[in-house]
N, C-alpha and C. Protein backbone atom coordinates (compact mmCIF):
# COMPACT_ATOMS: atom_id res chain seq x y z
N MET A 1 65.95 -52.13 -33.95
CA MET A 1 67.35 -51.83 -33.81
C MET A 1 67.54 -50.41 -34.19
N GLN A 2 68.29 -49.69 -33.41
CA GLN A 2 68.71 -48.34 -33.88
C GLN A 2 69.97 -48.33 -34.61
N ASN A 3 70.03 -47.57 -35.66
CA ASN A 3 71.25 -47.22 -36.38
C ASN A 3 71.23 -45.91 -36.91
N GLN A 4 72.38 -45.34 -37.01
CA GLN A 4 72.46 -43.94 -37.63
C GLN A 4 73.61 -43.91 -38.55
N THR A 5 73.37 -43.03 -39.64
CA THR A 5 74.54 -42.77 -40.57
C THR A 5 75.31 -41.65 -39.81
N VAL A 6 76.58 -41.70 -39.79
CA VAL A 6 77.51 -40.80 -39.05
C VAL A 6 78.64 -40.50 -39.99
N THR A 7 79.40 -39.48 -39.74
CA THR A 7 80.70 -39.09 -40.44
C THR A 7 81.87 -39.67 -39.54
N GLN A 8 82.70 -40.44 -40.28
CA GLN A 8 83.94 -40.91 -39.52
C GLN A 8 85.07 -40.14 -40.15
N TYR A 9 85.94 -39.66 -39.30
CA TYR A 9 87.01 -38.90 -39.73
C TYR A 9 88.33 -39.79 -39.43
N SER A 10 89.25 -39.87 -40.36
CA SER A 10 90.49 -40.60 -40.17
C SER A 10 91.67 -39.49 -40.31
N VAL A 11 92.54 -39.65 -39.37
CA VAL A 11 93.70 -38.67 -39.35
C VAL A 11 95.04 -39.51 -39.02
N ALA A 12 96.09 -39.20 -39.66
CA ALA A 12 97.32 -39.91 -39.32
C ALA A 12 98.11 -38.89 -38.47
N LEU A 13 98.52 -39.20 -37.33
CA LEU A 13 99.37 -38.38 -36.45
C LEU A 13 100.67 -39.03 -36.19
N LYS A 14 101.76 -38.24 -35.85
CA LYS A 14 103.03 -38.73 -35.38
C LYS A 14 102.78 -39.59 -34.04
N ASN A 15 103.34 -40.60 -33.99
CA ASN A 15 103.25 -41.55 -32.84
C ASN A 15 104.20 -41.09 -31.76
N GLU A 16 103.88 -40.04 -31.16
CA GLU A 16 104.63 -39.51 -29.99
C GLU A 16 103.74 -38.80 -28.94
N PRO A 17 104.23 -38.71 -27.73
CA PRO A 17 103.45 -38.13 -26.64
C PRO A 17 102.87 -36.77 -27.02
N GLY A 18 101.56 -36.53 -26.75
CA GLY A 18 101.01 -35.18 -26.93
C GLY A 18 100.30 -35.02 -28.33
N THR A 19 100.40 -35.83 -29.22
CA THR A 19 99.80 -35.54 -30.57
C THR A 19 98.31 -35.69 -30.55
N LEU A 20 97.76 -36.75 -29.76
CA LEU A 20 96.33 -36.96 -29.68
C LEU A 20 95.78 -35.78 -28.82
N HIS A 21 96.51 -35.36 -27.78
CA HIS A 21 96.08 -34.15 -26.99
C HIS A 21 95.93 -32.99 -27.94
N LYS A 22 96.90 -32.61 -28.69
CA LYS A 22 96.79 -31.48 -29.57
C LYS A 22 95.63 -31.57 -30.57
N MET A 23 95.36 -32.64 -31.09
CA MET A 23 94.28 -32.84 -32.02
C MET A 23 92.92 -32.62 -31.22
N THR A 24 92.80 -33.29 -30.15
CA THR A 24 91.48 -33.27 -29.40
C THR A 24 91.30 -31.79 -28.83
N GLN A 25 92.42 -31.13 -28.54
CA GLN A 25 92.40 -29.74 -28.01
C GLN A 25 91.72 -28.81 -29.11
N LEU A 26 92.03 -29.08 -30.38
CA LEU A 26 91.49 -28.25 -31.55
C LEU A 26 89.92 -28.49 -31.46
N LEU A 27 89.57 -29.69 -31.35
CA LEU A 27 88.08 -29.97 -31.29
C LEU A 27 87.42 -29.35 -30.11
N TYR A 28 88.05 -29.58 -28.90
CA TYR A 28 87.44 -29.06 -27.65
C TYR A 28 87.31 -27.48 -27.70
N LYS A 29 88.30 -26.88 -28.31
CA LYS A 29 88.17 -25.34 -28.26
C LYS A 29 86.99 -24.91 -29.18
N GLU A 30 86.59 -25.82 -30.17
CA GLU A 30 85.37 -25.48 -30.99
C GLU A 30 84.16 -26.19 -30.50
N ASP A 31 84.14 -26.74 -29.28
CA ASP A 31 82.99 -27.38 -28.66
C ASP A 31 82.47 -28.51 -29.51
N ILE A 32 83.41 -29.25 -30.08
CA ILE A 32 83.05 -30.46 -30.93
C ILE A 32 83.22 -31.68 -30.03
N ASN A 33 82.14 -32.46 -30.01
CA ASN A 33 82.21 -33.74 -29.23
C ASN A 33 82.58 -34.87 -30.11
N ILE A 34 83.41 -35.76 -29.61
CA ILE A 34 83.82 -36.98 -30.18
C ILE A 34 82.84 -38.06 -29.66
N SER A 35 82.02 -38.79 -30.53
CA SER A 35 81.09 -39.72 -30.01
C SER A 35 81.58 -41.14 -30.15
N GLY A 36 82.76 -41.40 -30.70
CA GLY A 36 83.36 -42.75 -30.75
C GLY A 36 84.79 -42.54 -31.37
N ILE A 37 85.74 -43.37 -30.86
CA ILE A 37 87.22 -43.14 -31.33
C ILE A 37 87.84 -44.49 -31.23
N THR A 38 88.81 -44.64 -32.13
CA THR A 38 89.68 -45.82 -32.04
C THR A 38 91.11 -45.26 -32.59
N THR A 39 92.13 -45.90 -32.10
CA THR A 39 93.48 -45.53 -32.68
C THR A 39 94.18 -46.90 -32.97
N GLU A 40 95.25 -46.70 -33.92
CA GLU A 40 96.09 -47.87 -34.20
C GLU A 40 97.38 -47.32 -34.40
N SER A 41 98.40 -47.71 -33.72
CA SER A 41 99.80 -47.27 -34.01
C SER A 41 100.58 -48.21 -34.82
N LEU A 42 101.24 -47.78 -35.81
CA LEU A 42 102.12 -48.60 -36.66
C LEU A 42 103.42 -47.86 -36.82
N GLY A 43 104.41 -48.26 -36.16
CA GLY A 43 105.70 -47.57 -36.27
C GLY A 43 105.59 -46.09 -35.81
N ASP A 44 105.93 -45.13 -36.56
CA ASP A 44 106.03 -43.81 -36.32
C ASP A 44 104.67 -43.06 -36.41
N VAL A 45 103.61 -43.85 -36.83
CA VAL A 45 102.42 -43.19 -37.11
C VAL A 45 101.27 -43.81 -36.31
N THR A 46 100.41 -42.93 -35.87
CA THR A 46 99.12 -43.46 -35.20
C THR A 46 97.98 -42.98 -36.01
N PHE A 47 97.08 -43.87 -36.42
CA PHE A 47 95.92 -43.57 -37.09
C PHE A 47 94.82 -43.39 -36.14
N VAL A 48 94.08 -42.29 -36.27
CA VAL A 48 92.97 -42.05 -35.30
C VAL A 48 91.66 -41.99 -36.21
N ARG A 49 90.67 -42.76 -35.82
CA ARG A 49 89.36 -42.74 -36.47
C ARG A 49 88.40 -42.44 -35.41
N PHE A 50 87.53 -41.37 -35.82
CA PHE A 50 86.57 -40.91 -34.71
C PHE A 50 85.29 -40.43 -35.44
N MET A 51 84.25 -40.33 -34.67
CA MET A 51 82.99 -39.77 -35.16
C MET A 51 82.76 -38.47 -34.45
N ALA A 52 82.23 -37.54 -35.21
CA ALA A 52 81.74 -36.31 -34.71
C ALA A 52 80.67 -35.79 -35.62
N ARG A 53 79.72 -35.08 -35.09
CA ARG A 53 78.56 -34.62 -35.81
C ARG A 53 78.64 -33.19 -36.28
N GLU A 54 79.76 -32.62 -36.18
CA GLU A 54 79.90 -31.19 -36.61
C GLU A 54 80.52 -31.16 -37.98
N PRO A 55 79.89 -30.34 -38.96
CA PRO A 55 80.43 -30.36 -40.29
C PRO A 55 81.76 -29.68 -40.50
N LYS A 56 82.15 -28.86 -39.45
CA LYS A 56 83.41 -28.10 -39.59
C LYS A 56 84.71 -28.84 -39.20
N VAL A 57 84.49 -30.09 -38.77
CA VAL A 57 85.77 -30.86 -38.29
C VAL A 57 86.83 -30.94 -39.34
N LYS A 58 86.59 -31.26 -40.51
CA LYS A 58 87.54 -31.51 -41.66
C LYS A 58 88.30 -30.24 -41.86
N LYS A 59 87.61 -29.13 -42.04
CA LYS A 59 88.35 -27.82 -42.31
C LYS A 59 89.14 -27.42 -41.12
N LEU A 60 88.70 -27.61 -39.99
CA LEU A 60 89.41 -27.22 -38.70
C LEU A 60 90.70 -27.97 -38.62
N LEU A 61 90.65 -29.35 -38.87
CA LEU A 61 91.85 -30.13 -38.75
C LEU A 61 92.79 -29.87 -39.97
N GLU A 62 92.23 -29.65 -41.19
CA GLU A 62 93.08 -29.33 -42.39
C GLU A 62 93.80 -27.95 -42.11
N LYS A 63 93.12 -27.04 -41.49
CA LYS A 63 93.72 -25.79 -41.17
C LYS A 63 94.93 -25.94 -40.22
N ALA A 64 94.86 -26.88 -39.42
CA ALA A 64 96.00 -27.22 -38.48
C ALA A 64 97.04 -28.13 -39.09
N ARG A 65 96.96 -28.30 -40.41
CA ARG A 65 97.87 -29.14 -41.30
C ARG A 65 97.85 -30.61 -41.13
N HIS A 66 96.60 -31.13 -40.74
CA HIS A 66 96.44 -32.48 -40.71
C HIS A 66 95.79 -32.97 -42.07
N GLU A 67 96.13 -34.15 -42.47
CA GLU A 67 95.44 -34.69 -43.57
C GLU A 67 94.30 -35.51 -43.03
N VAL A 68 93.15 -35.10 -43.48
CA VAL A 68 91.84 -35.76 -42.97
C VAL A 68 91.00 -36.42 -44.02
N PHE A 69 90.53 -37.69 -43.71
CA PHE A 69 89.67 -38.34 -44.60
C PHE A 69 88.36 -38.50 -43.91
N GLU A 70 87.33 -38.25 -44.70
CA GLU A 70 86.01 -38.48 -44.09
C GLU A 70 85.15 -39.37 -44.96
N ASN A 71 84.41 -40.19 -44.27
CA ASN A 71 83.57 -41.20 -45.02
C ASN A 71 82.41 -41.49 -44.27
N PRO A 72 81.29 -41.84 -44.84
CA PRO A 72 79.95 -42.23 -44.08
C PRO A 72 80.33 -43.52 -43.29
N ALA A 73 79.74 -43.70 -42.22
CA ALA A 73 79.82 -44.85 -41.40
C ALA A 73 78.49 -45.05 -40.76
N PHE A 74 78.31 -46.12 -40.10
CA PHE A 74 77.10 -46.50 -39.34
C PHE A 74 77.38 -46.81 -37.92
N GLU A 75 76.48 -46.18 -37.17
CA GLU A 75 76.51 -46.51 -35.76
C GLU A 75 75.35 -47.40 -35.47
N ILE A 76 75.65 -48.65 -35.03
CA ILE A 76 74.65 -49.72 -34.97
C ILE A 76 74.55 -50.31 -33.65
N GLU A 77 73.34 -50.50 -33.19
CA GLU A 77 73.08 -51.12 -31.86
C GLU A 77 72.95 -52.61 -32.27
N LEU A 78 73.65 -53.42 -31.59
CA LEU A 78 73.43 -54.95 -31.67
C LEU A 78 73.28 -55.52 -30.25
N PRO A 79 72.65 -56.68 -30.26
CA PRO A 79 72.57 -57.43 -29.03
C PRO A 79 73.97 -57.75 -28.46
N ASN A 80 74.21 -57.70 -27.11
CA ASN A 80 75.46 -58.06 -26.63
C ASN A 80 75.48 -59.53 -26.34
N GLN A 81 75.60 -60.30 -27.29
CA GLN A 81 75.61 -61.73 -27.17
C GLN A 81 76.44 -62.29 -28.33
N PRO A 82 76.97 -63.54 -28.10
CA PRO A 82 77.83 -64.22 -29.08
C PRO A 82 77.09 -64.31 -30.39
N GLY A 83 77.80 -64.06 -31.48
CA GLY A 83 77.22 -64.21 -32.78
C GLY A 83 76.54 -63.00 -33.45
N ALA A 84 76.31 -62.02 -32.62
CA ALA A 84 75.56 -60.78 -33.16
C ALA A 84 76.45 -60.11 -34.33
N LEU A 85 77.72 -59.79 -34.05
CA LEU A 85 78.53 -59.15 -35.08
C LEU A 85 78.80 -60.24 -36.19
N ASN A 86 78.90 -61.47 -35.91
CA ASN A 86 79.06 -62.48 -37.02
C ASN A 86 77.91 -62.53 -37.95
N ARG A 87 76.64 -62.45 -37.43
CA ARG A 87 75.37 -62.44 -38.34
C ARG A 87 75.51 -61.16 -39.20
N LEU A 88 75.76 -60.00 -38.63
CA LEU A 88 75.80 -58.82 -39.40
C LEU A 88 76.85 -58.84 -40.47
N ALA A 89 78.00 -59.36 -40.14
CA ALA A 89 79.14 -59.43 -41.13
C ALA A 89 78.70 -60.47 -42.28
N LYS A 90 78.10 -61.47 -41.92
CA LYS A 90 77.62 -62.43 -42.93
C LYS A 90 76.54 -61.74 -43.88
N GLU A 91 75.66 -61.01 -43.34
CA GLU A 91 74.60 -60.35 -44.10
C GLU A 91 75.37 -59.35 -45.14
N LEU A 92 76.27 -58.66 -44.64
CA LEU A 92 77.08 -57.70 -45.57
C LEU A 92 77.84 -58.46 -46.61
N ALA A 93 78.44 -59.47 -46.15
CA ALA A 93 79.27 -60.30 -47.15
C ALA A 93 78.41 -60.93 -48.24
N GLU A 94 77.18 -61.38 -47.82
CA GLU A 94 76.31 -61.94 -48.91
C GLU A 94 75.85 -60.91 -49.86
N LYS A 95 75.83 -59.59 -49.53
CA LYS A 95 75.52 -58.60 -50.47
C LYS A 95 76.77 -57.98 -51.15
N GLU A 96 77.98 -58.60 -50.94
CA GLU A 96 79.28 -58.31 -51.37
C GLU A 96 79.62 -56.90 -50.95
N ILE A 97 79.27 -56.52 -49.73
CA ILE A 97 79.65 -55.31 -49.10
C ILE A 97 80.91 -55.52 -48.18
N ASN A 98 81.97 -54.99 -48.51
CA ASN A 98 83.20 -55.17 -47.70
C ASN A 98 83.23 -54.14 -46.55
N ILE A 99 83.55 -54.80 -45.32
CA ILE A 99 83.76 -53.94 -44.21
C ILE A 99 85.17 -53.48 -44.24
N LEU A 100 85.29 -52.04 -44.20
CA LEU A 100 86.59 -51.43 -44.08
C LEU A 100 87.21 -51.33 -42.73
N ASN A 101 86.30 -50.91 -41.79
CA ASN A 101 86.77 -51.01 -40.38
C ASN A 101 85.55 -51.05 -39.47
N VAL A 102 85.85 -51.48 -38.30
CA VAL A 102 84.70 -51.69 -37.30
C VAL A 102 85.26 -51.54 -35.93
N TYR A 103 84.64 -50.81 -34.97
CA TYR A 103 85.00 -50.75 -33.61
C TYR A 103 83.70 -50.54 -32.82
N GLY A 104 83.81 -50.89 -31.54
CA GLY A 104 82.64 -50.83 -30.75
C GLY A 104 82.90 -51.20 -29.30
N THR A 105 81.83 -51.15 -28.50
CA THR A 105 81.87 -51.54 -27.15
C THR A 105 80.47 -51.87 -26.63
N ALA A 106 80.51 -52.66 -25.50
CA ALA A 106 79.30 -52.93 -24.92
C ALA A 106 79.50 -52.66 -23.34
N ASN A 107 78.61 -52.09 -22.70
CA ASN A 107 78.86 -51.71 -21.33
C ASN A 107 78.33 -52.70 -20.29
N GLY A 108 78.20 -53.88 -20.79
CA GLY A 108 77.68 -55.01 -19.80
C GLY A 108 76.22 -55.24 -19.96
N GLY A 109 75.50 -54.23 -20.64
CA GLY A 109 74.09 -54.47 -20.70
C GLY A 109 73.68 -55.45 -21.76
N THR A 110 72.49 -55.42 -22.11
CA THR A 110 72.04 -56.40 -23.22
C THR A 110 72.29 -55.96 -24.59
N THR A 111 72.79 -54.69 -24.89
CA THR A 111 73.16 -54.32 -26.18
C THR A 111 74.55 -53.59 -26.16
N GLY A 112 75.07 -53.52 -27.33
CA GLY A 112 76.38 -52.77 -27.53
C GLY A 112 76.27 -51.90 -28.81
N LYS A 113 77.19 -51.09 -29.09
CA LYS A 113 77.19 -50.36 -30.25
C LYS A 113 78.52 -50.55 -31.10
N VAL A 114 78.38 -50.67 -32.35
CA VAL A 114 79.55 -50.72 -33.20
C VAL A 114 79.48 -49.67 -34.22
N VAL A 115 80.60 -49.24 -34.72
CA VAL A 115 80.73 -48.23 -35.77
C VAL A 115 81.35 -48.99 -36.89
N LEU A 116 80.71 -48.96 -38.10
CA LEU A 116 81.01 -49.80 -39.19
C LEU A 116 81.14 -48.91 -40.45
N ALA A 117 82.35 -48.94 -41.04
CA ALA A 117 82.59 -48.30 -42.33
C ALA A 117 82.65 -49.34 -43.45
N VAL A 118 82.08 -49.15 -44.53
CA VAL A 118 82.03 -50.19 -45.64
C VAL A 118 82.35 -49.49 -46.96
N ASP A 119 82.63 -50.32 -48.00
CA ASP A 119 82.96 -49.88 -49.22
C ASP A 119 81.68 -49.40 -50.14
N LYS A 120 80.54 -49.92 -49.76
CA LYS A 120 79.31 -49.45 -50.41
C LYS A 120 78.30 -48.98 -49.50
N PRO A 121 78.45 -47.71 -49.04
CA PRO A 121 77.57 -47.17 -47.95
C PRO A 121 76.19 -47.21 -48.42
N GLU A 122 75.83 -46.88 -49.63
CA GLU A 122 74.41 -46.71 -50.02
C GLU A 122 73.80 -48.11 -50.07
N GLU A 123 74.41 -49.19 -50.43
CA GLU A 123 73.85 -50.50 -50.31
C GLU A 123 73.72 -50.93 -48.90
N ALA A 124 74.74 -50.67 -48.17
CA ALA A 124 74.70 -51.00 -46.64
C ALA A 124 73.53 -50.33 -46.04
N GLN A 125 73.28 -49.05 -46.37
CA GLN A 125 72.28 -48.36 -45.64
C GLN A 125 70.89 -49.02 -45.86
N SER A 126 70.68 -49.50 -47.08
CA SER A 126 69.41 -50.13 -47.40
C SER A 126 69.24 -51.40 -46.55
N LEU A 127 70.38 -52.22 -46.53
CA LEU A 127 70.38 -53.39 -45.73
C LEU A 127 70.16 -53.22 -44.22
N LEU A 128 70.83 -52.10 -43.70
CA LEU A 128 70.75 -51.88 -42.32
C LEU A 128 69.42 -51.21 -41.88
N GLU A 129 68.75 -50.52 -42.76
CA GLU A 129 67.46 -49.98 -42.47
C GLU A 129 66.35 -51.13 -42.18
N GLU A 130 66.68 -52.21 -42.82
CA GLU A 130 65.76 -53.40 -42.62
C GLU A 130 66.31 -54.48 -41.76
N TYR A 131 67.52 -54.37 -41.29
CA TYR A 131 68.22 -55.38 -40.47
C TYR A 131 67.71 -55.55 -39.16
N GLU A 132 67.25 -56.78 -38.77
CA GLU A 132 66.80 -57.10 -37.40
C GLU A 132 67.69 -58.18 -36.87
N PRO A 133 68.56 -57.92 -35.81
CA PRO A 133 69.32 -58.86 -35.28
C PRO A 133 68.49 -59.90 -34.62
N ALA A 134 68.76 -61.18 -34.80
CA ALA A 134 68.11 -62.33 -34.25
C ALA A 134 69.04 -63.03 -33.25
N ALA A 135 68.49 -63.98 -32.64
CA ALA A 135 69.40 -64.92 -31.72
C ALA A 135 70.41 -65.51 -32.69
N SER A 136 71.59 -65.70 -32.14
CA SER A 136 72.69 -66.14 -32.95
C SER A 136 72.37 -67.65 -33.32
N SER A 137 72.89 -67.85 -34.60
CA SER A 137 72.79 -69.33 -35.03
C SER A 137 74.09 -69.71 -35.58
N ARG A 138 74.69 -70.83 -35.31
CA ARG A 138 76.03 -71.18 -35.66
C ARG A 138 76.04 -71.97 -36.92
């Protein structure tokens, strides 16, 4: 299984037309690629979480007056089958590692990718380095 430690950035934006465009325009002008993204809107605020591999992201967005949080996350390849995420969540829970957020996709093939942020990244990294997804068991 492939997995990588990545940096996840979290930014709160006004929930109005054009705010995501303005933020991504800043990244585009600096040739920064977003390798995964999710948003959630709650009332007047949209929370954007994304991955990028450029160390200048936080400073760039803070210069534009955005409050930015960064934390380690894991990009994990899992089998695209029922129970794959359930098994991983169980393994983390058994080690008392709390999942803070998760998002992902599968393109119809045999595998998919999830991004996982947890409260104990050092412990999770050890587990994930040895983790081998197996056929699901209920």
